[in-house]
């Protein structure tokens, strides 16, 4: 069972602050507690329950050895997402979303392979046989690919799920996931339509403190899933070793 989410901690991180009432999406009504000074206040008891629900599902995905792709390209979320996703050993996109990242995954894999071949050239010395101008071009290409695709270089197949911070900002990513029936987990603020998301976490998706809090909770569930998988693997290996020594 994933850890219980404390409402007090969410409150301290400002997760409850929604958008101005005039900017709201009526579909968020079930998650809104009240209005204060023209701003919608999110019901944190519902947020806590939704985080726990999301965590159970994310933990299962991690325990099965599949990947969750984290997506957040807005300034206040980028560094937090990169740090938390990397710590949970999950891929992430924090620069511009590469159109077709999911729907045209084959092309994206080609770009990743290109990156790997440049790295091989550098290792085996082929790189140094190029002219100075060619080396410069290859280096620039490598840097560009690294910036856009760095963390997804090890992703050999489509992710099992997407975790998105701000579905309005990442609407292209959400649409691609929907097309392929890839479940979407997301922090959804009061100005967004929660119907686009499979696992809604009603939360302030603008403040870095709020993003950090929610991300810490969901990635710790993933880490838990990862370690469960690791101990299961170790257990299986022990059993296999025992079986062979007994033969």
Protein backbone atom coordinates (compact mmCIF):
# COMPACT_ATOMS: atom_id res chain seq x y z
CA UNK A 1 0.00 0.00 0.00
CA UNK A 2 1.43 3.38 -0.98
CA UNK A 3 1.94 5.83 1.89
CA UNK A 4 -0.98 7.88 3.13
CA UNK A 5 -1.04 11.43 1.81
CA UNK A 6 -1.27 14.13 4.47
CA UNK A 7 -3.70 16.97 3.68
CA UNK A 8 -1.71 19.29 5.99
CA UNK A 9 1.42 18.84 3.84
CA UNK A 10 -0.53 19.63 0.67
CA UNK A 11 -1.93 22.76 2.34
CA UNK A 12 1.54 23.93 3.39
CA UNK A 13 2.77 23.49 -0.20
CA UNK A 14 -0.11 25.62 -1.56
CA UNK A 15 -1.56 22.77 -3.62
CA UNK A 16 -5.07 24.16 -2.93
CA UNK A 17 -4.69 27.44 -4.83
CA UNK A 18 -6.61 27.28 -8.11
CA UNK A 19 -7.02 29.92 -10.82
CA UNK A 20 -9.19 33.02 -10.82
CA UNK A 21 -12.87 32.08 -10.88
CA UNK A 22 -13.44 33.66 -14.31
CA UNK A 23 -10.85 31.30 -15.81
CA UNK A 24 -12.36 28.10 -14.45
CA UNK A 25 -13.45 25.00 -16.34
CA UNK A 26 -16.90 23.94 -15.04
CA UNK A 27 -15.86 20.28 -15.28
CA UNK A 28 -13.54 20.91 -12.32
CA UNK A 29 -16.55 21.76 -10.09
CA UNK A 30 -16.46 18.42 -8.19
CA UNK A 31 -12.91 19.19 -7.03
CA UNK A 32 -13.50 22.79 -5.93
CA UNK A 33 -14.05 23.45 -2.23
CA UNK A 34 -14.89 27.16 -2.30
CA UNK A 35 -14.08 30.57 -3.77
CA UNK A 36 -11.90 33.05 -1.90
CA UNK A 37 -11.06 36.57 -3.14
CA UNK A 38 -11.98 35.65 -6.70
CA UNK A 39 -9.82 32.50 -6.66
CA UNK A 40 -11.02 28.91 -6.60
CA UNK A 41 -9.80 26.78 -3.71
CA UNK A 42 -9.25 23.08 -4.46
CA UNK A 43 -10.65 20.45 -2.07
CA UNK A 44 -7.46 18.89 -0.70
CA UNK A 45 -9.23 15.85 0.73
CA UNK A 46 -10.15 14.95 -2.84
CA UNK A 47 -6.59 15.71 -3.98
CA UNK A 48 -5.14 13.41 -1.30
CA UNK A 49 -7.51 10.59 -2.29
CA UNK A 50 -6.67 11.05 -5.97
CA UNK A 51 -2.91 11.02 -5.30
CA UNK A 52 -3.28 7.76 -3.35
CA UNK A 53 -5.29 6.26 -6.23
CA UNK A 54 -2.68 7.40 -8.79
CA UNK A 55 0.16 6.10 -6.61
CA UNK A 56 -1.30 2.59 -6.44
CA UNK A 57 -1.50 2.47 -10.25
CA UNK A 58 1.96 4.01 -10.78
CA UNK A 59 3.52 1.59 -8.30
CA UNK A 60 2.03 -1.35 -10.23
CA UNK A 61 3.40 -0.03 -13.53
CA UNK A 62 6.89 0.37 -12.03
CA UNK A 63 6.75 -3.06 -10.39
CA UNK A 64 5.93 -4.60 -13.78
CA UNK A 65 9.10 -3.06 -15.23
CA UNK A 66 7.32 -0.64 -17.56
CA UNK A 67 8.04 3.06 -17.96
CA UNK A 68 6.11 6.22 -17.06
CA UNK A 69 7.06 9.20 -19.24
CA UNK A 70 6.99 12.51 -17.31
CA UNK A 71 6.12 15.63 -19.31
CA UNK A 72 6.56 19.23 -18.13
CA UNK A 73 7.97 21.95 -20.35
CA UNK A 74 6.94 25.02 -18.35
CA UNK A 75 9.68 26.93 -16.58
CA UNK A 76 8.64 26.37 -12.97
CA UNK A 77 8.17 22.61 -13.44
CA UNK A 78 11.12 21.60 -15.69
CA UNK A 79 13.91 21.20 -13.13
CA UNK A 80 11.67 19.57 -10.53
CA UNK A 81 10.36 17.00 -13.01
CA UNK A 82 13.84 16.24 -14.41
CA UNK A 83 15.23 15.68 -10.91
CA UNK A 84 12.33 13.58 -9.55
CA UNK A 85 11.84 11.47 -12.69
CA UNK A 86 15.58 10.74 -12.95
CA UNK A 87 15.68 9.70 -9.27
CA UNK A 88 12.80 7.29 -9.97
CA UNK A 89 14.65 5.99 -13.06
CA UNK A 90 11.91 7.19 -15.42
CA UNK A 91 12.19 9.07 -18.74
CA UNK A 92 11.08 12.68 -19.02
CA UNK A 93 10.56 15.49 -21.53
CA UNK A 94 11.26 18.98 -20.20
CA UNK A 95 12.22 20.75 -23.41
CA UNK A 96 9.77 21.20 -26.29
CA UNK A 97 7.54 18.14 -26.83
CA UNK A 98 8.81 16.46 -30.05
CA UNK A 99 5.64 16.18 -32.18
CA UNK A 100 4.95 12.51 -32.94
CA UNK A 101 6.96 11.44 -29.90
CA UNK A 102 4.34 8.73 -29.29
CA UNK A 103 2.35 8.49 -32.53
CA UNK A 104 5.51 8.37 -34.64
CA UNK A 105 7.75 6.55 -32.18
CA UNK A 106 9.76 4.83 -34.95
CA UNK A 107 11.11 8.18 -36.17
CA UNK A 108 12.02 9.20 -32.62
CA UNK A 109 13.87 5.88 -32.16
CA UNK A 110 15.85 6.64 -35.35
CA UNK A 111 16.98 9.95 -33.86
CA UNK A 112 18.01 8.15 -30.67
CA UNK A 113 19.97 5.59 -32.73
CA UNK A 114 21.69 8.48 -34.52
CA UNK A 115 22.78 9.76 -31.13
CA UNK A 116 24.17 6.33 -30.21
CA UNK A 117 26.06 6.05 -33.51
CA UNK A 118 27.72 9.45 -32.92
CA UNK A 119 28.80 8.21 -29.48
CA UNK A 120 30.23 5.05 -31.08
CA UNK A 121 32.16 7.16 -33.63
CA UNK A 122 33.74 9.07 -30.77
CA UNK A 123 34.71 5.86 -28.97
CA UNK A 124 36.20 4.02 -31.95
CA UNK A 125 38.12 7.02 -33.30
CA UNK A 126 36.10 7.47 -36.53
CA UNK A 127 35.09 10.93 -35.31
CA UNK A 128 38.69 12.15 -35.46
CA UNK A 129 38.99 11.16 -39.14
CA UNK A 130 36.37 13.80 -40.03
CA UNK A 131 37.31 17.33 -41.02
CA UNK A 132 37.13 20.06 -38.38
CA UNK A 133 33.97 21.45 -39.98
CA UNK A 134 32.27 18.01 -40.06
CA UNK A 135 33.20 17.38 -36.43
CA UNK A 136 31.61 20.68 -35.48
CA UNK A 137 28.40 19.77 -37.37
CA UNK A 138 28.24 16.32 -35.73
CA UNK A 139 28.80 17.85 -32.29
CA UNK A 140 26.01 20.36 -32.87
CA UNK A 141 23.64 17.62 -33.99
CA UNK A 142 24.55 15.51 -30.95
CA UNK A 143 23.91 18.45 -28.59
CA UNK A 144 20.55 19.18 -30.23
CA UNK A 145 19.46 15.53 -29.98
CA UNK A 146 20.65 15.37 -26.36
CA UNK A 147 18.66 18.48 -25.45
CA UNK A 148 15.42 17.19 -26.97
CA UNK A 149 15.74 13.46 -26.40
CA UNK A 150 18.35 13.05 -23.68
CA UNK A 151 16.31 11.29 -21.04
CA UNK A 152 14.35 9.11 -23.47
CA UNK A 153 17.46 7.64 -25.09
CA UNK A 154 16.94 4.36 -23.20
CA UNK A 155 13.24 4.13 -24.01
CA UNK A 156 13.04 1.21 -26.43
CA UNK A 157 9.26 0.99 -26.46
CA UNK A 158 6.25 3.21 -25.86
CA UNK A 159 5.66 4.18 -22.22
CA UNK A 160 2.95 2.44 -20.21
CA UNK A 161 1.67 5.84 -19.03
CA UNK A 162 2.26 9.59 -19.16
CA UNK A 163 2.52 11.87 -16.13
CA UNK A 164 1.78 15.47 -17.11
CA UNK A 165 2.11 18.76 -15.24
CA UNK A 166 -0.44 21.18 -16.79
CA UNK A 167 -2.55 19.49 -19.46
CA UNK A 168 -3.26 22.83 -21.14
CA UNK A 169 0.45 23.47 -21.72
CA UNK A 170 1.07 19.85 -22.79
CA UNK A 171 -2.11 19.36 -24.87
CA UNK A 172 -0.18 17.82 -27.81
CA UNK A 173 1.32 15.14 -25.56
CA UNK A 174 -2.10 14.41 -24.03
CA UNK A 175 -3.71 14.09 -27.50
CA UNK A 176 -1.02 11.67 -28.70
CA UNK A 177 -1.44 9.51 -25.59
CA UNK A 178 -5.24 9.46 -26.08
CA UNK A 179 -4.82 8.33 -29.70
CA UNK A 180 -2.76 5.35 -28.57
CA UNK A 181 -4.85 4.59 -25.45
CA UNK A 182 -1.89 5.32 -23.18
CA UNK A 183 -3.26 6.29 -19.74
CA UNK A 184 -2.59 9.87 -18.65
CA UNK A 185 -1.87 10.82 -15.03
CA UNK A 186 -1.85 14.58 -14.48
CA UNK A 187 -1.87 17.52 -12.12
CA UNK A 188 -5.03 19.32 -13.21
CA UNK A 189 -5.70 22.92 -12.20
CA UNK A 190 -9.12 24.61 -12.02
CA UNK A 191 -8.75 26.08 -15.53
CA UNK A 192 -8.42 22.66 -17.25
CA UNK A 193 -10.79 19.90 -18.35
CA UNK A 194 -10.25 16.80 -16.19
CA UNK A 195 -12.16 14.61 -18.68
CA UNK A 196 -9.01 14.40 -20.81
CA UNK A 197 -7.17 12.56 -18.05
CA UNK A 198 -7.42 8.98 -16.74
CA UNK A 199 -5.95 9.75 -13.30
CA UNK A 200 -6.78 13.30 -12.24
CA UNK A 201 -4.81 14.97 -9.45
CA UNK A 202 -6.64 18.27 -8.77
CA UNK A 203 -3.79 20.63 -7.83
CA UNK A 204 -2.11 23.98 -8.33
CA UNK A 205 0.07 23.31 -11.39
CA UNK A 206 1.72 26.75 -11.44
CA UNK A 207 3.62 27.05 -8.17
CA UNK A 208 6.93 25.19 -7.93
CA UNK A 209 6.29 24.31 -4.26
CA UNK A 210 3.02 22.59 -5.18
CA UNK A 211 4.57 20.78 -8.18
CA UNK A 212 7.48 19.62 -6.01
CA UNK A 213 5.13 18.24 -3.33
CA UNK A 214 2.93 16.25 -5.74
CA UNK A 215 5.91 14.98 -7.74
CA UNK A 216 7.69 13.84 -4.56
CA UNK A 217 4.65 11.79 -3.58
CA UNK A 218 4.08 10.13 -6.96
CA UNK A 219 7.73 9.38 -7.66
CA UNK A 220 8.20 7.81 -4.22
CA UNK A 221 5.40 5.37 -5.14
CA UNK A 222 7.30 4.58 -8.35
CA UNK A 223 10.55 4.05 -6.43
CA UNK A 224 8.63 1.65 -4.18
CA UNK A 225 7.42 -0.25 -7.25
CA UNK A 226 10.96 -0.37 -8.65
CA UNK A 227 12.38 -1.84 -5.45
CA UNK A 228 9.58 -4.42 -5.28
CA UNK A 229 10.53 -5.55 -8.76
CA UNK A 230 14.21 -5.67 -7.81
CA UNK A 231 13.60 -7.84 -4.74
CA UNK A 232 11.33 -10.15 -6.74
CA UNK A 233 14.10 -10.58 -9.32
CA UNK A 234 16.66 -11.29 -6.60
CA UNK A 235 14.32 -13.81 -4.99
CA UNK A 236 13.80 -15.60 -8.32
CA UNK A 237 17.56 -15.67 -8.93
CA UNK A 238 18.14 -17.21 -5.48
CA UNK A 239 15.53 -19.90 -6.16
CA UNK A 240 17.14 -20.70 -9.54
CA UNK A 241 20.62 -20.93 -8.01
CA UNK A 242 19.29 -23.21 -5.27
CA UNK A 243 17.57 -25.43 -7.85
CA UNK A 244 20.76 -25.83 -9.92
CA UNK A 245 22.95 -26.63 -6.90
CA UNK A 246 20.49 -29.27 -5.75
CA UNK A 247 20.50 -31.02 -9.13
